[in-house]
Amino acid sequence: MEQKEQEFTRLIEKHKTVVYTVCYMFSGSREEAEDLFQDVLIRLWKGYDSFCGESDVRTWIYRVSLNTCINGQKKKKREAAHIPLSINVDFFEEISDRTLQVRRLYNRINRLGLVDRALILLWLEGLSYEEIGAVIGISVKNVSFQLYRIKEELKKMNI
């Protein structure tokens, strides 16, 4: 394997949970999450050479993942052939009180608009307001305002 491929593989191994979490947020089933995961990996690979390190690699991965998933939601097109990959992260199978609570939260979040979903996902992943602003492309002040609005909207939703 070439050095570039080895570096990319290490990068994906380190950040695969981040990518899968974004895919999970924008999918309705395990199969759809896996399809999105593969689409994100393809986009990351295609953009790997052009990533010049102007932003943090994690920010770049989030941005590519979110853009791919949002565009996938808008288009709802599927490619015919996919190469199966072992993800080793499965939010769909595990059943416990905590996972039921998480599923309820994700069900509410999935009722939000695409950009609102992206914002709340990044916040739930523990990114700072500065990092969220960098990924989404908005100011820190706007991140704060939008997250407050989204949280209030989530509180008002019925299960």
C-alpha atoms as a PDB file:
ATOM      1  CA  MET A   1       0.000   0.000   0.000  1.00  0.00           C
ATOM      2  CA  GLU A   2       1.285   3.477  -0.856  1.00  0.00           C
ATOM      3  CA  GLN A   3       2.183   5.927   1.891  1.00  0.00           C
ATOM      4  CA  LYS A   4      -0.747   8.181   0.913  1.00  0.00           C
ATOM      5  CA  GLU A   5      -3.170   5.271   1.241  1.00  0.00           C
ATOM      6  CA  GLN A   6      -1.702   4.295   4.607  1.00  0.00           C
ATOM      7  CA  GLU A   7      -2.023   7.868   5.901  1.00  0.00           C
ATOM      8  CA  PHE A   8      -5.617   8.063   4.690  1.00  0.00           C
ATOM      9  CA  THR A   9      -6.462   4.698   6.260  1.00  0.00           C
ATOM     10  CA  ARG A  10      -5.033   5.845   9.616  1.00  0.00           C
ATOM     11  CA  LEU A  11      -6.998   9.090   9.349  1.00  0.00           C
ATOM     12  CA  ILE A  12     -10.254   7.229   8.694  1.00  0.00           C
ATOM     13  CA  GLU A  13      -9.592   4.730  11.488  1.00  0.00           C
ATOM     14  CA  LYS A  14      -9.114   7.624  13.887  1.00  0.00           C
ATOM     15  CA  HIS A  15     -12.235   9.521  12.768  1.00  0.00           C
ATOM     16  CA  LYS A  16     -14.621   6.783  11.569  1.00  0.00           C
ATOM     17  CA  THR A  17     -16.938   7.241  14.557  1.00  0.00           C
ATOM     18  CA  VAL A  18     -17.289  10.942  13.739  1.00  0.00           C
ATOM     19  CA  VAL A  19     -18.151  10.152  10.122  1.00  0.00           C
ATOM     20  CA  TYR A  20     -20.597   7.401  11.081  1.00  0.00           C
ATOM     21  CA  THR A  21     -22.310   9.612  13.662  1.00  0.00           C
ATOM     22  CA  VAL A  22     -22.969  12.266  11.025  1.00  0.00           C
ATOM     23  CA  CYS A  23     -24.245   9.599   8.617  1.00  0.00           C
ATOM     24  CA  TYR A  24     -26.480   8.124  11.322  1.00  0.00           C
ATOM     25  CA  MET A  25     -27.977  11.541  12.015  1.00  0.00           C
ATOM     26  CA  PHE A  26     -28.999  11.951   8.383  1.00  0.00           C
ATOM     27  CA  SER A  27     -30.250   8.414   7.761  1.00  0.00           C
ATOM     28  CA  GLY A  28     -33.315   6.382   8.537  1.00  0.00           C
ATOM     29  CA  SER A  29     -31.785   2.937   8.532  1.00  0.00           C
ATOM     30  CA  ARG A  30     -28.501   1.117   8.963  1.00  0.00           C
ATOM     31  CA  GLU A  31     -28.270   0.520   5.223  1.00  0.00           C
ATOM     32  CA  GLU A  32     -28.748   4.202   4.446  1.00  0.00           C
ATOM     33  CA  ALA A  33     -26.153   5.161   7.099  1.00  0.00           C
ATOM     34  CA  GLU A  34     -23.682   2.707   5.565  1.00  0.00           C
ATOM     35  CA  ASP A  35     -24.368   4.083   2.071  1.00  0.00           C
ATOM     36  CA  LEU A  36     -23.769   7.621   3.314  1.00  0.00           C
ATOM     37  CA  PHE A  37     -20.626   6.448   5.131  1.00  0.00           C
ATOM     38  CA  GLN A  38     -19.229   5.074   1.881  1.00  0.00           C
ATOM     39  CA  ASP A  39     -20.168   8.257  -0.001  1.00  0.00           C
ATOM     40  CA  VAL A  40     -18.337  10.327   2.623  1.00  0.00           C
ATOM     41  CA  LEU A  41     -15.250   8.094   2.398  1.00  0.00           C
ATOM     42  CA  ILE A  42     -15.198   8.523  -1.375  1.00  0.00           C
ATOM     43  CA  ARG A  43     -15.451  12.307  -1.059  1.00  0.00           C
ATOM     44  CA  LEU A  44     -12.753  12.376   1.619  1.00  0.00           C
ATOM     45  CA  TRP A  45     -10.447  10.273  -0.568  1.00  0.00           C
ATOM     46  CA  LYS A  46     -11.070  12.481  -3.607  1.00  0.00           C
ATOM     47  CA  GLY A  47     -10.372  15.601  -1.573  1.00  0.00           C
ATOM     48  CA  TYR A  48      -7.457  14.212   0.402  1.00  0.00           C
ATOM     49  CA  ASP A  49      -4.791  15.590  -1.951  1.00  0.00           C
ATOM     50  CA  SER A  50      -6.338  19.046  -1.991  1.00  0.00           C
ATOM     51  CA  PHE A  51      -6.687  19.287   1.797  1.00  0.00           C
ATOM     52  CA  CYS A  52      -3.930  21.739   2.601  1.00  0.00           C
ATOM     53  CA  GLY A  53      -4.256  21.922   6.358  1.00  0.00           C
ATOM     54  CA  GLU A  54      -5.685  25.450   6.523  1.00  0.00           C
ATOM     55  CA  SER A  55      -8.227  24.097   9.009  1.00  0.00           C
ATOM     56  CA  ASP A  56      -8.066  21.292  11.535  1.00  0.00           C
ATOM     57  CA  VAL A  57      -8.405  17.852   9.906  1.00  0.00           C
ATOM     58  CA  ARG A  58     -11.393  17.097  12.162  1.00  0.00           C
ATOM     59  CA  THR A  59     -13.137  20.272  10.921  1.00  0.00           C
ATOM     60  CA  TRP A  60     -12.470  19.204   7.332  1.00  0.00           C
ATOM     61  CA  ILE A  61     -13.878  15.715   7.998  1.00  0.00           C
ATOM     62  CA  TYR A  62     -17.012  17.155   9.613  1.00  0.00           C
ATOM     63  CA  ARG A  63     -17.516  19.593   6.745  1.00  0.00           C
ATOM     64  CA  VAL A  64     -17.141  16.907   4.065  1.00  0.00           C
ATOM     65  CA  SER A  65     -19.373  14.513   6.025  1.00  0.00           C
ATOM     66  CA  LEU A  66     -22.106  17.086   6.592  1.00  0.00           C
ATOM     67  CA  ASN A  67     -22.048  18.377   3.019  1.00  0.00           C
ATOM     68  CA  THR A  68     -22.200  14.844   1.635  1.00  0.00           C
ATOM     69  CA  CYS A  69     -25.114  13.872   3.889  1.00  0.00           C
ATOM     70  CA  ILE A  70     -27.035  17.100   3.296  1.00  0.00           C
ATOM     71  CA  ASN A  71     -26.584  16.775  -0.469  1.00  0.00           C
ATOM     72  CA  GLY A  72     -27.598  13.108  -0.239  1.00  0.00           C
ATOM     73  CA  GLN A  73     -30.789  14.104   1.556  1.00  0.00           C
ATOM     74  CA  LYS A  74     -31.562  16.679  -1.108  1.00  0.00           C
ATOM     75  CA  LYS A  75     -30.905  14.366  -4.045  1.00  0.00           C
ATOM     76  CA  LYS A  76     -31.951  10.986  -2.579  1.00  0.00           C
ATOM     77  CA  LYS A  77     -29.966   9.262  -5.298  1.00  0.00           C
ATOM     78  CA  ARG A  78     -28.125   6.046  -4.666  1.00  0.00           C
ATOM     79  CA  GLU A  79     -25.190   4.651  -6.573  1.00  0.00           C
ATOM     80  CA  ALA A  80     -25.645   1.104  -7.854  1.00  0.00           C
ATOM     81  CA  ALA A  81     -22.425  -0.500  -6.606  1.00  0.00           C
ATOM     82  CA  HIS A  82     -20.943  -0.117  -3.130  1.00  0.00           C
ATOM     83  CA  ILE A  83     -17.953  -1.807  -1.605  1.00  0.00           C
ATOM     84  CA  PRO A  84     -18.882  -3.198   1.820  1.00  0.00           C
ATOM     85  CA  LEU A  85     -16.741  -1.803   4.643  1.00  0.00           C
ATOM     86  CA  SER A  86     -16.531  -2.882   8.256  1.00  0.00           C
ATOM     87  CA  ILE A  87     -17.552   0.116  10.351  1.00  0.00           C
ATOM     88  CA  ASN A  88     -17.574  -1.507  13.825  1.00  0.00           C
ATOM     89  CA  VAL A  89     -19.957   1.187  15.086  1.00  0.00           C
ATOM     90  CA  ASP A  90     -23.654   0.331  15.211  1.00  0.00           C
ATOM     91  CA  PHE A  91     -26.161   2.645  16.839  1.00  0.00           C
ATOM     92  CA  PHE A  92     -29.096   0.662  15.416  1.00  0.00           C
ATOM     93  CA  GLU A  93     -28.641  -2.667  17.237  1.00  0.00           C
ATOM     94  CA  GLU A  94     -27.844  -1.777  20.836  1.00  0.00           C
ATOM     95  CA  ILE A  95     -30.966  -1.641  23.056  1.00  0.00           C
ATOM     96  CA  SER A  96     -30.855  -0.131  26.566  1.00  0.00           C
ATOM     97  CA  ASP A  97     -32.519   2.703  28.434  1.00  0.00           C
ATOM     98  CA  ARG A  98     -29.749   5.029  27.315  1.00  0.00           C
ATOM     99  CA  THR A  99     -30.032   4.021  23.663  1.00  0.00           C
ATOM    100  CA  LEU A 100     -33.804   4.443  23.809  1.00  0.00           C
ATOM    101  CA  GLN A 101     -33.317   7.979  25.133  1.00  0.00           C
ATOM    102  CA  VAL A 102     -30.747   8.657  22.439  1.00  0.00           C
ATOM    103  CA  ARG A 103     -33.129   7.336  19.769  1.00  0.00           C
ATOM    104  CA  ARG A 104     -35.905   9.603  21.052  1.00  0.00           C
ATOM    105  CA  LEU A 105     -33.549  12.568  20.890  1.00  0.00           C
ATOM    106  CA  TYR A 106     -32.418  11.637  17.382  1.00  0.00           C
ATOM    107  CA  ASN A 107     -36.054  11.235  16.301  1.00  0.00           C
ATOM    108  CA  ARG A 108     -36.709  14.794  17.441  1.00  0.00           C
ATOM    109  CA  ILE A 109     -33.533  16.048  15.812  1.00  0.00           C
ATOM    110  CA  ASN A 110     -34.492  14.335  12.538  1.00  0.00           C
ATOM    111  CA  ARG A 111     -37.618  16.514  12.447  1.00  0.00           C
ATOM    112  CA  LEU A 112     -35.413  19.618  12.237  1.00  0.00           C
ATOM    113  CA  GLY A 113     -34.217  21.164   8.994  1.00  0.00           C
ATOM    114  CA  LEU A 114     -30.950  19.969   7.488  1.00  0.00           C
ATOM    115  CA  VAL A 115     -28.773  22.869   8.665  1.00  0.00           C
ATOM    116  CA  ASP A 116     -30.324  22.801  12.157  1.00  0.00           C
ATOM    117  CA  ARG A 117     -29.597  19.070  12.321  1.00  0.00           C
ATOM    118  CA  ALA A 118     -25.991  19.710  11.372  1.00  0.00           C
ATOM    119  CA  LEU A 119     -25.599  22.420  14.024  1.00  0.00           C
ATOM    120  CA  ILE A 120     -27.061  20.366  16.861  1.00  0.00           C
ATOM    121  CA  LEU A 121     -25.057  17.303  15.819  1.00  0.00           C
ATOM    122  CA  LEU A 122     -21.807  19.224  15.998  1.00  0.00           C
ATOM    123  CA  TRP A 123     -22.792  20.624  19.391  1.00  0.00           C
ATOM    124  CA  LEU A 124     -23.684  17.147  20.667  1.00  0.00           C
ATOM    125  CA  GLU A 125     -20.309  15.911  19.423  1.00  0.00           C
ATOM    126  CA  GLY A 126     -18.670  18.425  21.758  1.00  0.00           C
ATOM    127  CA  LEU A 127     -17.268  20.857  19.210  1.00  0.00           C
ATOM    128  CA  SER A 128     -16.671  24.393  20.430  1.00  0.00           C
ATOM    129  CA  TYR A 129     -18.739  27.237  19.010  1.00  0.00           C
ATOM    130  CA  GLU A 130     -15.637  28.331  17.093  1.00  0.00           C
ATOM    131  CA  GLU A 131     -15.246  24.869  15.550  1.00  0.00           C
ATOM    132  CA  ILE A 132     -18.956  24.683  14.705  1.00  0.00           C
ATOM    133  CA  GLY A 133     -18.763  28.092  13.055  1.00  0.00           C
ATOM    134  CA  ALA A 134     -15.751  26.955  11.016  1.00  0.00           C
ATOM    135  CA  VAL A 135     -17.503  23.785   9.849  1.00  0.00           C
ATOM    136  CA  ILE A 136     -20.840  25.438   9.008  1.00  0.00           C
ATOM    137  CA  GLY A 137     -19.394  28.746   7.844  1.00  0.00           C
ATOM    138  CA  ILE A 138     -21.148  31.113  10.266  1.00  0.00           C
ATOM    139  CA  SER A 139     -20.008  33.417  13.080  1.00  0.00           C
ATOM    140  CA  VAL A 140     -19.609  32.260  16.671  1.00  0.00           C
ATOM    141  CA  LYS A 141     -22.382  34.642  17.725  1.00  0.00           C
ATOM    142  CA  ASN A 142     -24.701  33.144  15.109  1.00  0.00           C
ATOM    143  CA  VAL A 143     -23.803  29.624  16.313  1.00  0.00           C
ATOM    144  CA  SER A 144     -24.841  30.617  19.832  1.00  0.00           C
ATOM    145  CA  PHE A 145     -28.116  32.143  18.641  1.00  0.00           C
ATOM    146  CA  GLN A 146     -28.984  29.220  16.365  1.00  0.00           C
ATOM    147  CA  LEU A 147     -28.241  26.597  19.026  1.00  0.00           C
ATOM    148  CA  TYR A 148     -30.427  28.407  21.557  1.00  0.00           C
ATOM    149  CA  ARG A 149     -33.275  28.530  19.026  1.00  0.00           C
ATOM    150  CA  ILE A 150     -32.847  24.842  18.108  1.00  0.00           C
ATOM    151  CA  LYS A 151     -32.769  23.724  21.762  1.00  0.00           C
ATOM    152  CA  GLU A 152     -35.978  25.662  22.448  1.00  0.00           C
ATOM    153  CA  GLU A 153     -37.592  24.063  19.390  1.00  0.00           C
ATOM    154  CA  LEU A 154     -36.546  20.581  20.552  1.00  0.00           C
ATOM    155  CA  LYS A 155     -38.022  21.220  24.012  1.00  0.00           C
ATOM    156  CA  LYS A 156     -41.390  22.076  22.456  1.00  0.00           C
ATOM    157  CA  MET A 157     -41.562  18.915  20.340  1.00  0.00           C
ATOM    158  CA  ASN A 158     -43.731  15.973  21.381  1.00  0.00           C
ATOM    159  CA  ILE A 159     -42.186  12.538  21.273  1.00  0.00           C
END
